[in-house]
Amino acid sequence: MNENWILETPRLYLRRFEKSDAENLFLLNLDPEVIQFTGDISFENIPDAQRFLANYDHYEKHDFGRWAVIEKSSDEFLGWCGLKYTPDSDEYDIGFRFFKKYWNHGFATEAAKACVNLGFEKYQLQTIVGRARKEKNGAQ
């Protein structure tokens, strides 16, 4: 396993975000379908995404966070996946976001399973939650 990789699965590796990920994060959040159930808003521009990355301190605070998901065979940035601690609710959650062209290929499942296993095994978390906002228009 490469020293920069946090996790490795059969098809993917996960690594910490890098400055060079700013454009991909901007483009990922630009798609309203990708963020429709997250409660997040798009970055205004690439410098906005760069500021987010410069201020992202979850790795230092918790030794984990959201990680870039890279396909091994192409070295392509597919999206992100990882764990997050929210002090307000005292909860750890699993989250992910992928470009639509990578949906329905099992990448999110593969990455999320690896992250959840890491949370339970390495970090000894007792509970990891998943969240999604309800769809607008009254869907439950």
N, C-alpha and C. Protein backbone atom coordinates (compact mmCIF):
# COMPACT_ATOMS: atom_id res chain seq x y z
N MET A 1 0.85 -1.18 0.00
CA MET A 1 0.00 0.00 0.00
C MET A 1 0.90 1.25 0.00
N ASN A 2 0.56 2.21 -0.81
CA ASN A 2 1.29 3.47 -0.91
C ASN A 2 1.22 4.21 0.43
N GLU A 3 2.29 4.88 0.83
CA GLU A 3 2.32 5.56 2.13
C GLU A 3 1.33 6.71 2.24
N ASN A 4 0.84 7.24 1.12
CA ASN A 4 -0.14 8.33 1.16
C ASN A 4 -1.58 7.82 1.26
N TRP A 5 -1.75 6.53 1.07
CA TRP A 5 -3.09 5.96 1.10
C TRP A 5 -3.52 5.72 2.54
N ILE A 6 -4.75 6.08 2.85
CA ILE A 6 -5.34 5.82 4.16
C ILE A 6 -5.95 4.42 4.15
N LEU A 7 -6.63 4.13 3.06
CA LEU A 7 -7.32 2.85 2.89
C LEU A 7 -7.12 2.36 1.47
N GLU A 8 -7.18 1.05 1.33
CA GLU A 8 -7.13 0.44 0.01
C GLU A 8 -8.21 -0.63 -0.07
N THR A 9 -8.93 -0.64 -1.18
CA THR A 9 -9.93 -1.66 -1.45
C THR A 9 -9.53 -2.32 -2.77
N PRO A 10 -10.26 -3.31 -3.22
CA PRO A 10 -9.87 -3.95 -4.48
C PRO A 10 -9.73 -2.97 -5.66
N ARG A 11 -10.62 -1.96 -5.73
CA ARG A 11 -10.57 -1.04 -6.88
C ARG A 11 -10.16 0.38 -6.56
N LEU A 12 -10.06 0.71 -5.28
CA LEU A 12 -9.90 2.11 -4.88
C LEU A 12 -8.79 2.29 -3.88
N TYR A 13 -8.31 3.51 -3.80
CA TYR A 13 -7.56 3.93 -2.63
C TYR A 13 -8.11 5.26 -2.17
N LEU A 14 -8.03 5.47 -0.87
CA LEU A 14 -8.50 6.70 -0.26
C LEU A 14 -7.31 7.39 0.36
N ARG A 15 -7.23 8.70 0.16
CA ARG A 15 -6.12 9.48 0.68
C ARG A 15 -6.65 10.82 1.20
N ARG A 16 -5.82 11.49 1.99
CA ARG A 16 -6.18 12.82 2.46
C ARG A 16 -6.36 13.75 1.27
N PHE A 17 -7.21 14.75 1.45
CA PHE A 17 -7.34 15.78 0.43
C PHE A 17 -6.01 16.49 0.24
N GLU A 18 -5.78 16.93 -0.98
CA GLU A 18 -4.61 17.72 -1.33
C GLU A 18 -5.08 19.03 -1.94
N LYS A 19 -4.21 20.02 -1.98
CA LYS A 19 -4.56 21.32 -2.59
C LYS A 19 -5.06 21.14 -4.01
N SER A 20 -4.47 20.19 -4.72
CA SER A 20 -4.84 19.96 -6.12
C SER A 20 -6.26 19.41 -6.29
N ASP A 21 -6.92 19.03 -5.20
CA ASP A 21 -8.30 18.52 -5.27
C ASP A 21 -9.34 19.63 -5.34
N ALA A 22 -8.94 20.87 -5.21
CA ALA A 22 -9.90 21.99 -5.14
C ALA A 22 -10.83 22.03 -6.35
N GLU A 23 -10.29 21.89 -7.54
CA GLU A 23 -11.13 21.96 -8.73
C GLU A 23 -12.14 20.82 -8.75
N ASN A 24 -11.71 19.61 -8.40
CA ASN A 24 -12.64 18.48 -8.37
C ASN A 24 -13.73 18.69 -7.32
N LEU A 25 -13.37 19.21 -6.15
CA LEU A 25 -14.39 19.46 -5.12
C LEU A 25 -15.38 20.52 -5.58
N PHE A 26 -14.87 21.55 -6.24
CA PHE A 26 -15.75 22.59 -6.79
C PHE A 26 -16.72 21.99 -7.79
N LEU A 27 -16.21 21.21 -8.73
CA LEU A 27 -17.06 20.61 -9.77
C LEU A 27 -18.05 19.61 -9.18
N LEU A 28 -17.61 18.86 -8.19
CA LEU A 28 -18.48 17.87 -7.55
C LEU A 28 -19.68 18.55 -6.89
N ASN A 29 -19.44 19.61 -6.15
CA ASN A 29 -20.52 20.32 -5.46
C ASN A 29 -21.35 21.19 -6.39
N LEU A 30 -20.87 21.41 -7.60
CA LEU A 30 -21.59 22.24 -8.56
C LEU A 30 -22.84 21.52 -9.09
N ASP A 31 -22.83 20.20 -9.04
CA ASP A 31 -23.95 19.42 -9.57
C ASP A 31 -25.05 19.34 -8.52
N PRO A 32 -26.22 19.95 -8.77
CA PRO A 32 -27.30 19.94 -7.78
C PRO A 32 -27.79 18.54 -7.42
N GLU A 33 -27.72 17.59 -8.34
CA GLU A 33 -28.14 16.23 -8.03
C GLU A 33 -27.19 15.56 -7.03
N VAL A 34 -25.93 15.89 -7.10
CA VAL A 34 -24.93 15.29 -6.22
C VAL A 34 -25.14 15.75 -4.78
N ILE A 35 -25.54 17.01 -4.60
CA ILE A 35 -25.67 17.55 -3.24
C ILE A 35 -27.11 17.71 -2.78
N GLN A 36 -28.07 17.21 -3.55
CA GLN A 36 -29.48 17.47 -3.23
C GLN A 36 -29.95 16.97 -1.87
N PHE A 37 -29.37 15.93 -1.34
CA PHE A 37 -29.82 15.39 -0.05
C PHE A 37 -28.83 15.66 1.08
N THR A 38 -27.87 16.56 0.85
CA THR A 38 -26.81 16.79 1.83
C THR A 38 -27.05 18.01 2.71
N GLY A 39 -27.80 18.97 2.23
CA GLY A 39 -27.94 20.22 2.96
C GLY A 39 -26.80 21.17 2.68
N ASP A 40 -25.84 20.76 1.88
CA ASP A 40 -24.70 21.61 1.53
C ASP A 40 -25.04 22.50 0.34
N ILE A 41 -24.25 23.54 0.19
CA ILE A 41 -24.38 24.41 -0.98
C ILE A 41 -23.10 24.31 -1.79
N SER A 42 -23.17 24.74 -3.03
CA SER A 42 -22.00 24.70 -3.90
C SER A 42 -20.97 25.72 -3.46
N PHE A 43 -19.72 25.43 -3.75
CA PHE A 43 -18.68 26.44 -3.60
C PHE A 43 -18.96 27.52 -4.65
N GLU A 44 -18.64 28.76 -4.32
CA GLU A 44 -18.83 29.85 -5.27
C GLU A 44 -17.89 29.74 -6.46
N ASN A 45 -16.67 29.26 -6.19
CA ASN A 45 -15.63 29.18 -7.22
C ASN A 45 -14.51 28.28 -6.70
N ILE A 46 -13.50 28.07 -7.53
CA ILE A 46 -12.38 27.21 -7.13
C ILE A 46 -11.61 27.79 -5.93
N PRO A 47 -11.36 29.11 -5.88
CA PRO A 47 -10.70 29.64 -4.67
C PRO A 47 -11.48 29.37 -3.39
N ASP A 48 -12.81 29.32 -3.48
CA ASP A 48 -13.65 28.96 -2.33
C ASP A 48 -13.32 27.53 -1.86
N ALA A 49 -13.21 26.62 -2.82
CA ALA A 49 -12.85 25.23 -2.51
C ALA A 49 -11.43 25.16 -1.95
N GLN A 50 -10.53 25.98 -2.47
CA GLN A 50 -9.16 26.03 -1.95
C GLN A 50 -9.15 26.48 -0.50
N ARG A 51 -9.96 27.48 -0.16
CA ARG A 51 -10.04 27.95 1.23
C ARG A 51 -10.58 26.85 2.13
N PHE A 52 -11.60 26.12 1.64
CA PHE A 52 -12.13 25.01 2.41
C PHE A 52 -11.02 24.01 2.74
N LEU A 53 -10.25 23.65 1.73
CA LEU A 53 -9.17 22.68 1.94
C LEU A 53 -8.10 23.22 2.88
N ALA A 54 -7.77 24.48 2.75
CA ALA A 54 -6.75 25.08 3.61
C ALA A 54 -7.19 25.10 5.08
N ASN A 55 -8.50 25.17 5.31
CA ASN A 55 -9.03 25.24 6.67
C ASN A 55 -9.56 23.90 7.19
N TYR A 56 -9.46 22.86 6.38
CA TYR A 56 -9.99 21.55 6.78
C TYR A 56 -9.06 20.94 7.82
N ASP A 57 -9.51 20.88 9.07
CA ASP A 57 -8.64 20.45 10.16
C ASP A 57 -9.07 19.13 10.81
N HIS A 58 -9.96 18.41 10.19
CA HIS A 58 -10.47 17.17 10.77
C HIS A 58 -9.35 16.12 10.95
N TYR A 59 -8.42 16.08 10.01
CA TYR A 59 -7.33 15.10 10.12
C TYR A 59 -6.50 15.37 11.37
N GLU A 60 -6.19 16.63 11.62
CA GLU A 60 -5.38 16.98 12.77
C GLU A 60 -6.15 16.78 14.08
N LYS A 61 -7.42 17.10 14.09
CA LYS A 61 -8.23 16.99 15.31
C LYS A 61 -8.58 15.54 15.66
N HIS A 62 -8.84 14.73 14.64
CA HIS A 62 -9.41 13.40 14.90
C HIS A 62 -8.63 12.24 14.27
N ASP A 63 -7.64 12.55 13.45
CA ASP A 63 -6.86 11.54 12.73
C ASP A 63 -7.65 10.85 11.62
N PHE A 64 -8.83 11.32 11.34
CA PHE A 64 -9.63 10.83 10.23
C PHE A 64 -10.44 11.99 9.68
N GLY A 65 -11.17 11.73 8.62
CA GLY A 65 -11.99 12.77 8.00
C GLY A 65 -12.57 12.26 6.70
N ARG A 66 -12.91 13.20 5.85
CA ARG A 66 -13.34 12.84 4.50
C ARG A 66 -12.07 12.70 3.67
N TRP A 67 -12.04 11.66 2.82
CA TRP A 67 -10.86 11.38 2.03
C TRP A 67 -11.20 11.33 0.55
N ALA A 68 -10.25 11.72 -0.27
CA ALA A 68 -10.41 11.62 -1.72
C ALA A 68 -10.46 10.14 -2.09
N VAL A 69 -11.37 9.79 -2.97
CA VAL A 69 -11.49 8.41 -3.45
C VAL A 69 -10.94 8.38 -4.87
N ILE A 70 -9.93 7.55 -5.07
CA ILE A 70 -9.22 7.47 -6.34
C ILE A 70 -9.33 6.05 -6.88
N GLU A 71 -9.68 5.94 -8.15
CA GLU A 71 -9.73 4.62 -8.79
C GLU A 71 -8.31 4.17 -9.11
N LYS A 72 -7.96 2.99 -8.66
CA LYS A 72 -6.60 2.49 -8.85
C LYS A 72 -6.20 2.38 -10.32
N SER A 73 -7.09 1.83 -11.14
CA SER A 73 -6.72 1.52 -12.52
C SER A 73 -6.50 2.78 -13.37
N SER A 74 -7.15 3.87 -13.03
CA SER A 74 -7.05 5.10 -13.84
C SER A 74 -6.41 6.26 -13.10
N ASP A 75 -6.25 6.14 -11.79
CA ASP A 75 -5.78 7.22 -10.92
C ASP A 75 -6.73 8.42 -10.98
N GLU A 76 -7.99 8.15 -11.28
CA GLU A 76 -9.03 9.18 -11.42
C GLU A 76 -9.67 9.51 -10.07
N PHE A 77 -9.90 10.80 -9.82
CA PHE A 77 -10.63 11.26 -8.64
C PHE A 77 -12.11 11.00 -8.87
N LEU A 78 -12.71 10.12 -8.07
CA LEU A 78 -14.12 9.75 -8.25
C LEU A 78 -15.05 10.58 -7.37
N GLY A 79 -14.52 11.02 -6.23
CA GLY A 79 -15.32 11.74 -5.26
C GLY A 79 -14.63 11.66 -3.91
N TRP A 80 -15.41 11.66 -2.85
CA TRP A 80 -14.83 11.53 -1.52
C TRP A 80 -15.72 10.64 -0.65
N CYS A 81 -15.12 10.13 0.40
CA CYS A 81 -15.82 9.31 1.37
C CYS A 81 -15.04 9.37 2.67
N GLY A 82 -15.74 9.23 3.78
CA GLY A 82 -15.01 9.18 5.03
C GLY A 82 -15.87 9.44 6.24
N LEU A 83 -15.19 9.55 7.35
CA LEU A 83 -15.82 9.72 8.66
C LEU A 83 -15.73 11.18 9.10
N LYS A 84 -16.69 11.58 9.90
CA LYS A 84 -16.70 12.94 10.42
C LYS A 84 -17.27 12.91 11.83
N TYR A 85 -16.65 13.70 12.71
CA TYR A 85 -17.17 13.86 14.05
C TYR A 85 -17.87 15.21 14.14
N THR A 86 -19.11 15.20 14.66
CA THR A 86 -19.87 16.43 14.86
C THR A 86 -20.05 16.65 16.35
N PRO A 87 -19.33 17.64 16.92
CA PRO A 87 -19.38 17.85 18.38
C PRO A 87 -20.78 18.22 18.88
N ASP A 88 -21.54 19.00 18.11
CA ASP A 88 -22.87 19.43 18.55
C ASP A 88 -23.77 18.25 18.90
N SER A 89 -23.70 17.19 18.10
CA SER A 89 -24.53 16.01 18.35
C SER A 89 -23.73 14.87 18.97
N ASP A 90 -22.41 15.07 19.12
CA ASP A 90 -21.52 14.04 19.63
C ASP A 90 -21.69 12.74 18.84
N GLU A 91 -21.67 12.87 17.51
CA GLU A 91 -21.87 11.72 16.63
C GLU A 91 -20.75 11.63 15.60
N TYR A 92 -20.49 10.41 15.19
CA TYR A 92 -19.60 10.12 14.09
C TYR A 92 -20.47 9.69 12.93
N ASP A 93 -20.20 10.23 11.75
CA ASP A 93 -21.01 9.82 10.61
C ASP A 93 -20.14 9.40 9.44
N ILE A 94 -20.74 8.60 8.58
CA ILE A 94 -20.12 8.21 7.32
C ILE A 94 -20.77 9.07 6.24
N GLY A 95 -19.96 9.60 5.37
CA GLY A 95 -20.49 10.41 4.27
C GLY A 95 -19.72 10.11 3.01
N PHE A 96 -20.35 10.40 1.89
CA PHE A 96 -19.67 10.23 0.61
C PHE A 96 -20.34 11.10 -0.43
N ARG A 97 -19.60 11.38 -1.46
CA ARG A 97 -20.10 12.18 -2.58
C ARG A 97 -19.26 11.79 -3.79
N PHE A 98 -19.93 11.40 -4.87
CA PHE A 98 -19.23 10.96 -6.08
C PHE A 98 -19.79 11.67 -7.30
N PHE A 99 -18.94 11.89 -8.29
CA PHE A 99 -19.42 12.40 -9.57
C PHE A 99 -20.45 11.42 -10.13
N LYS A 100 -21.49 11.94 -10.76
CA LYS A 100 -22.59 11.09 -11.24
C LYS A 100 -22.13 9.99 -12.19
N LYS A 101 -21.11 10.27 -12.99
CA LYS A 101 -20.68 9.23 -13.94
C LYS A 101 -20.15 7.98 -13.24
N TYR A 102 -19.90 8.09 -11.91
CA TYR A 102 -19.43 6.94 -11.15
C TYR A 102 -20.51 6.31 -10.29
N TRP A 103 -21.72 6.81 -10.39
CA TRP A 103 -22.83 6.23 -9.64
C TRP A 103 -23.17 4.86 -10.23
N ASN A 104 -23.71 3.98 -9.40
CA ASN A 104 -24.19 2.65 -9.81
C ASN A 104 -23.09 1.72 -10.30
N HIS A 105 -21.88 1.93 -9.78
CA HIS A 105 -20.77 1.03 -10.08
C HIS A 105 -20.24 0.36 -8.81
N GLY A 106 -20.89 0.65 -7.68
CA GLY A 106 -20.48 0.05 -6.42
C GLY A 106 -19.32 0.75 -5.72
N PHE A 107 -18.86 1.88 -6.28
CA PHE A 107 -17.72 2.58 -5.67
C PHE A 107 -18.07 3.15 -4.30
N ALA A 108 -19.24 3.76 -4.17
CA ALA A 108 -19.63 4.34 -2.88
C ALA A 108 -19.76 3.25 -1.81
N THR A 109 -20.35 2.13 -2.16
CA THR A 109 -20.50 1.02 -1.22
C THR A 109 -19.14 0.49 -0.80
N GLU A 110 -18.26 0.30 -1.77
CA GLU A 110 -16.92 -0.22 -1.49
C GLU A 110 -16.14 0.72 -0.57
N ALA A 111 -16.19 2.01 -0.87
CA ALA A 111 -15.46 2.99 -0.06
C ALA A 111 -16.09 3.13 1.33
N ALA A 112 -17.42 3.20 1.39
CA ALA A 112 -18.09 3.39 2.67
C ALA A 112 -17.87 2.19 3.60
N LYS A 113 -17.95 0.98 3.07
CA LYS A 113 -17.69 -0.20 3.90
C LYS A 113 -16.29 -0.16 4.49
N ALA A 114 -15.31 0.22 3.69
CA ALA A 114 -13.94 0.29 4.17
C ALA A 114 -13.79 1.36 5.26
N CYS A 115 -14.46 2.49 5.09
CA CYS A 115 -14.39 3.57 6.09
C CYS A 115 -15.08 3.17 7.39
N VAL A 116 -16.22 2.54 7.29
CA VAL A 116 -16.94 2.09 8.49
C VAL A 116 -16.10 1.05 9.24
N ASN A 117 -15.54 0.10 8.51
CA ASN A 117 -14.67 -0.90 9.15
C ASN A 117 -13.49 -0.24 9.84
N LEU A 118 -12.89 0.74 9.21
CA LEU A 118 -11.77 1.46 9.82
C LEU A 118 -12.22 2.17 11.09
N GLY A 119 -13.39 2.78 11.04
CA GLY A 119 -13.92 3.47 12.22
C GLY A 119 -14.10 2.54 13.40
N PHE A 120 -14.65 1.37 13.15
CA PHE A 120 -14.88 0.42 14.23
C PHE A 120 -13.58 -0.25 14.69
N GLU A 121 -12.74 -0.61 13.75
CA GLU A 121 -11.53 -1.38 14.10
C GLU A 121 -10.39 -0.49 14.61
N LYS A 122 -10.01 0.51 13.84
CA LYS A 122 -8.85 1.33 14.23
C LYS A 122 -9.21 2.37 15.30
N TYR A 123 -10.35 3.04 15.10
CA TYR A 123 -10.71 4.14 16.00
C TYR A 123 -11.64 3.72 17.13
N GLN A 124 -12.04 2.46 17.13
CA GLN A 124 -12.87 1.90 18.21
C GLN A 124 -14.16 2.69 18.44
N LEU A 125 -14.74 3.21 17.34
CA LEU A 125 -16.01 3.93 17.46
C LEU A 125 -17.10 2.92 17.79
N GLN A 126 -18.04 3.31 18.62
CA GLN A 126 -19.13 2.43 19.01
C GLN A 126 -20.32 2.53 18.06
N THR A 127 -20.52 3.73 17.49
CA THR A 127 -21.65 3.98 16.61
C THR A 127 -21.21 4.90 15.48
N ILE A 128 -21.62 4.58 14.27
CA ILE A 128 -21.40 5.44 13.11
C ILE A 128 -22.76 5.60 12.44
N VAL A 129 -23.19 6.84 12.26
CA VAL A 129 -24.50 7.09 11.66
C VAL A 129 -24.35 7.52 10.21
N GLY A 130 -25.43 7.37 9.48
CA GLY A 130 -25.53 7.88 8.12
C GLY A 130 -26.69 8.84 8.06
N ARG A 131 -26.53 9.91 7.33
CA ARG A 131 -27.58 10.92 7.24
C ARG A 131 -27.89 11.27 5.80
N ALA A 132 -29.14 11.59 5.56
CA ALA A 132 -29.56 12.16 4.28
C ALA A 132 -30.77 13.04 4.56
N ARG A 133 -30.83 14.15 3.91
CA ARG A 133 -32.00 15.01 4.06
C ARG A 133 -33.16 14.41 3.29
N LYS A 134 -34.35 14.65 3.80
CA LYS A 134 -35.54 14.22 3.07
C LYS A 134 -35.64 15.03 1.80
N GLU A 135 -36.15 14.37 0.77
CA GLU A 135 -36.37 15.07 -0.49
C GLU A 135 -37.43 16.13 -0.30
N LYS A 136 -37.27 17.24 -0.96
CA LYS A 136 -38.30 18.27 -0.93
C LYS A 136 -39.54 17.72 -1.62
N ASN A 137 -40.62 18.39 -1.55
CA ASN A 137 -41.90 17.97 -2.11
C ASN A 137 -42.55 16.87 -1.27
N GLY A 138 -42.19 16.78 -0.01
CA GLY A 138 -42.90 15.90 0.90
C GLY A 138 -42.53 14.45 0.91
N ALA A 139 -41.53 14.03 0.14
CA ALA A 139 -41.16 12.62 0.15
C ALA A 139 -40.60 12.24 1.50
N GLN A 140 -40.86 11.04 1.95
CA GLN A 140 -40.38 10.57 3.26
C GLN A 140 -39.20 9.69 3.06
